[in-house]
Amino acid sequence: HSDPQHLAAQAEAAKQQVQQPSLQQRQERVKELVDLMSHQPGEAQLLKASIALLTAPGSSQEEQLNALAAIQLLVEPIDNAN
């Protein structure tokens, strides 16, 4: 067990195992990310929510400005496509 070459080979093997997650670990991580993304609102939902804030009678001026900024961010890619 004191052979330096053998110890170096074992250390390298352990290092590679730590650095390279298993296929199952990567698949689980991808599934977690897909689950997180599926719970995020889409652009249409964000646009509807922003418009609802603009038309809500109790919205503050700051909320309305934030809603307008959000709408601008959502609409700019459409405008740039033309």
C-alpha atoms as a PDB file:
ATOM      1  CA  HIS A   1       0.000   0.000   0.000  1.00  0.00           C
ATOM      2  CA  SER A   2       2.986   2.298   0.085  1.00  0.00           C
ATOM      3  CA  ASP A   3       3.714   2.044  -3.655  1.00  0.00           C
ATOM      4  CA  PRO A   4       3.701   5.668  -4.891  1.00  0.00           C
ATOM      5  CA  GLN A   5       2.470   4.734  -8.362  1.00  0.00           C
ATOM      6  CA  HIS A   6      -0.408   2.686  -6.941  1.00  0.00           C
ATOM      7  CA  LEU A   7      -1.360   5.510  -4.564  1.00  0.00           C
ATOM      8  CA  ALA A   8      -1.191   8.054  -7.395  1.00  0.00           C
ATOM      9  CA  ALA A   9      -3.424   5.866  -9.571  1.00  0.00           C
ATOM     10  CA  GLN A  10      -5.951   5.501  -6.752  1.00  0.00           C
ATOM     11  CA  ALA A  11      -5.900   9.254  -6.127  1.00  0.00           C
ATOM     12  CA  GLU A  12      -6.478   9.968  -9.819  1.00  0.00           C
ATOM     13  CA  ALA A  13      -9.357   7.479  -9.975  1.00  0.00           C
ATOM     14  CA  ALA A  14     -10.978   9.059  -6.919  1.00  0.00           C
ATOM     15  CA  LYS A  15     -10.472  12.540  -8.375  1.00  0.00           C
ATOM     16  CA  GLN A  16     -12.205  11.573 -11.626  1.00  0.00           C
ATOM     17  CA  GLN A  17     -15.133  10.052  -9.741  1.00  0.00           C
ATOM     18  CA  VAL A  18     -15.599  13.257  -7.749  1.00  0.00           C
ATOM     19  CA  GLN A  19     -15.288  15.503 -10.799  1.00  0.00           C
ATOM     20  CA  GLN A  20     -17.619  13.539 -13.043  1.00  0.00           C
ATOM     21  CA  PRO A  21     -21.123  13.119 -11.668  1.00  0.00           C
ATOM     22  CA  SER A  22     -22.817   9.915 -12.618  1.00  0.00           C
ATOM     23  CA  LEU A  23     -25.349   9.804 -15.415  1.00  0.00           C
ATOM     24  CA  GLN A  24     -28.110   9.272 -12.881  1.00  0.00           C
ATOM     25  CA  GLN A  25     -27.030  12.368 -10.918  1.00  0.00           C
ATOM     26  CA  ARG A  26     -27.020  14.465 -14.089  1.00  0.00           C
ATOM     27  CA  GLN A  27     -30.445  13.155 -15.111  1.00  0.00           C
ATOM     28  CA  GLU A  28     -31.829  13.979 -11.664  1.00  0.00           C
ATOM     29  CA  ARG A  29     -30.404  17.506 -11.887  1.00  0.00           C
ATOM     30  CA  VAL A  30     -31.937  18.031 -15.329  1.00  0.00           C
ATOM     31  CA  LYS A  31     -35.296  16.806 -14.026  1.00  0.00           C
ATOM     32  CA  GLU A  32     -35.077  19.236 -11.083  1.00  0.00           C
ATOM     33  CA  LEU A  33     -34.344  22.133 -13.437  1.00  0.00           C
ATOM     34  CA  VAL A  34     -37.195  21.196 -15.783  1.00  0.00           C
ATOM     35  CA  ASP A  35     -39.561  21.017 -12.808  1.00  0.00           C
ATOM     36  CA  LEU A  36     -38.436  24.461 -11.638  1.00  0.00           C
ATOM     37  CA  MET A  37     -38.882  25.945 -15.096  1.00  0.00           C
ATOM     38  CA  SER A  38     -42.332  24.458 -15.542  1.00  0.00           C
ATOM     39  CA  HIS A  39     -43.525  26.321 -12.447  1.00  0.00           C
ATOM     40  CA  GLN A  40     -42.367  29.682 -13.797  1.00  0.00           C
ATOM     41  CA  PRO A  41     -44.969  31.907 -15.469  1.00  0.00           C
ATOM     42  CA  GLY A  42     -44.764  32.281 -19.223  1.00  0.00           C
ATOM     43  CA  GLU A  43     -44.524  35.553 -21.115  1.00  0.00           C
ATOM     44  CA  ALA A  44     -48.276  35.672 -21.720  1.00  0.00           C
ATOM     45  CA  GLN A  45     -48.970  35.218 -18.018  1.00  0.00           C
ATOM     46  CA  LEU A  46     -46.468  37.934 -17.118  1.00  0.00           C
ATOM     47  CA  LEU A  47     -48.035  40.291 -19.651  1.00  0.00           C
ATOM     48  CA  LYS A  48     -51.530  39.638 -18.283  1.00  0.00           C
ATOM     49  CA  ALA A  49     -50.338  40.214 -14.723  1.00  0.00           C
ATOM     50  CA  SER A  50     -48.657  43.478 -15.701  1.00  0.00           C
ATOM     51  CA  ILE A  51     -51.774  44.710 -17.489  1.00  0.00           C
ATOM     52  CA  ALA A  52     -53.864  43.730 -14.481  1.00  0.00           C
ATOM     53  CA  LEU A  53     -51.600  45.852 -12.272  1.00  0.00           C
ATOM     54  CA  LEU A  54     -52.001  48.806 -14.618  1.00  0.00           C
ATOM     55  CA  THR A  55     -55.785  48.592 -14.559  1.00  0.00           C
ATOM     56  CA  ALA A  56     -56.200  47.762 -10.867  1.00  0.00           C
ATOM     57  CA  PRO A  57     -57.670  50.733  -9.006  1.00  0.00           C
ATOM     58  CA  GLY A  58     -55.484  50.198  -5.918  1.00  0.00           C
ATOM     59  CA  SER A  59     -52.138  50.047  -7.741  1.00  0.00           C
ATOM     60  CA  SER A  60     -49.562  52.569  -6.620  1.00  0.00           C
ATOM     61  CA  GLN A  61     -47.643  54.696  -9.074  1.00  0.00           C
ATOM     62  CA  GLU A  62     -44.513  52.628  -8.400  1.00  0.00           C
ATOM     63  CA  GLU A  63     -46.381  49.377  -9.145  1.00  0.00           C
ATOM     64  CA  GLN A  64     -47.703  50.874 -12.370  1.00  0.00           C
ATOM     65  CA  LEU A  65     -44.221  52.012 -13.422  1.00  0.00           C
ATOM     66  CA  ASN A  66     -42.850  48.531 -12.689  1.00  0.00           C
ATOM     67  CA  ALA A  67     -45.692  46.998 -14.705  1.00  0.00           C
ATOM     68  CA  LEU A  68     -44.934  49.301 -17.645  1.00  0.00           C
ATOM     69  CA  ALA A  69     -41.245  48.375 -17.461  1.00  0.00           C
ATOM     70  CA  ALA A  70     -42.161  44.678 -17.445  1.00  0.00           C
ATOM     71  CA  ILE A  71     -44.444  45.150 -20.451  1.00  0.00           C
ATOM     72  CA  GLN A  72     -41.671  46.977 -22.279  1.00  0.00           C
ATOM     73  CA  LEU A  73     -39.258  44.084 -21.638  1.00  0.00           C
ATOM     74  CA  LEU A  74     -41.831  41.587 -22.886  1.00  0.00           C
ATOM     75  CA  VAL A  75     -42.738  43.560 -26.016  1.00  0.00           C
ATOM     76  CA  GLU A  76     -39.248  44.643 -27.146  1.00  0.00           C
ATOM     77  CA  PRO A  77     -38.348  41.261 -28.731  1.00  0.00           C
ATOM     78  CA  ILE A  78     -41.580  41.402 -30.751  1.00  0.00           C
ATOM     79  CA  ASP A  79     -40.780  44.918 -31.918  1.00  0.00           C
ATOM     80  CA  ASN A  80     -37.213  43.930 -32.819  1.00  0.00           C
ATOM     81  CA  ALA A  81     -38.465  40.990 -34.906  1.00  0.00           C
ATOM     82  CA  ASN A  82     -40.106  43.351 -37.395  1.00  0.00           C
END
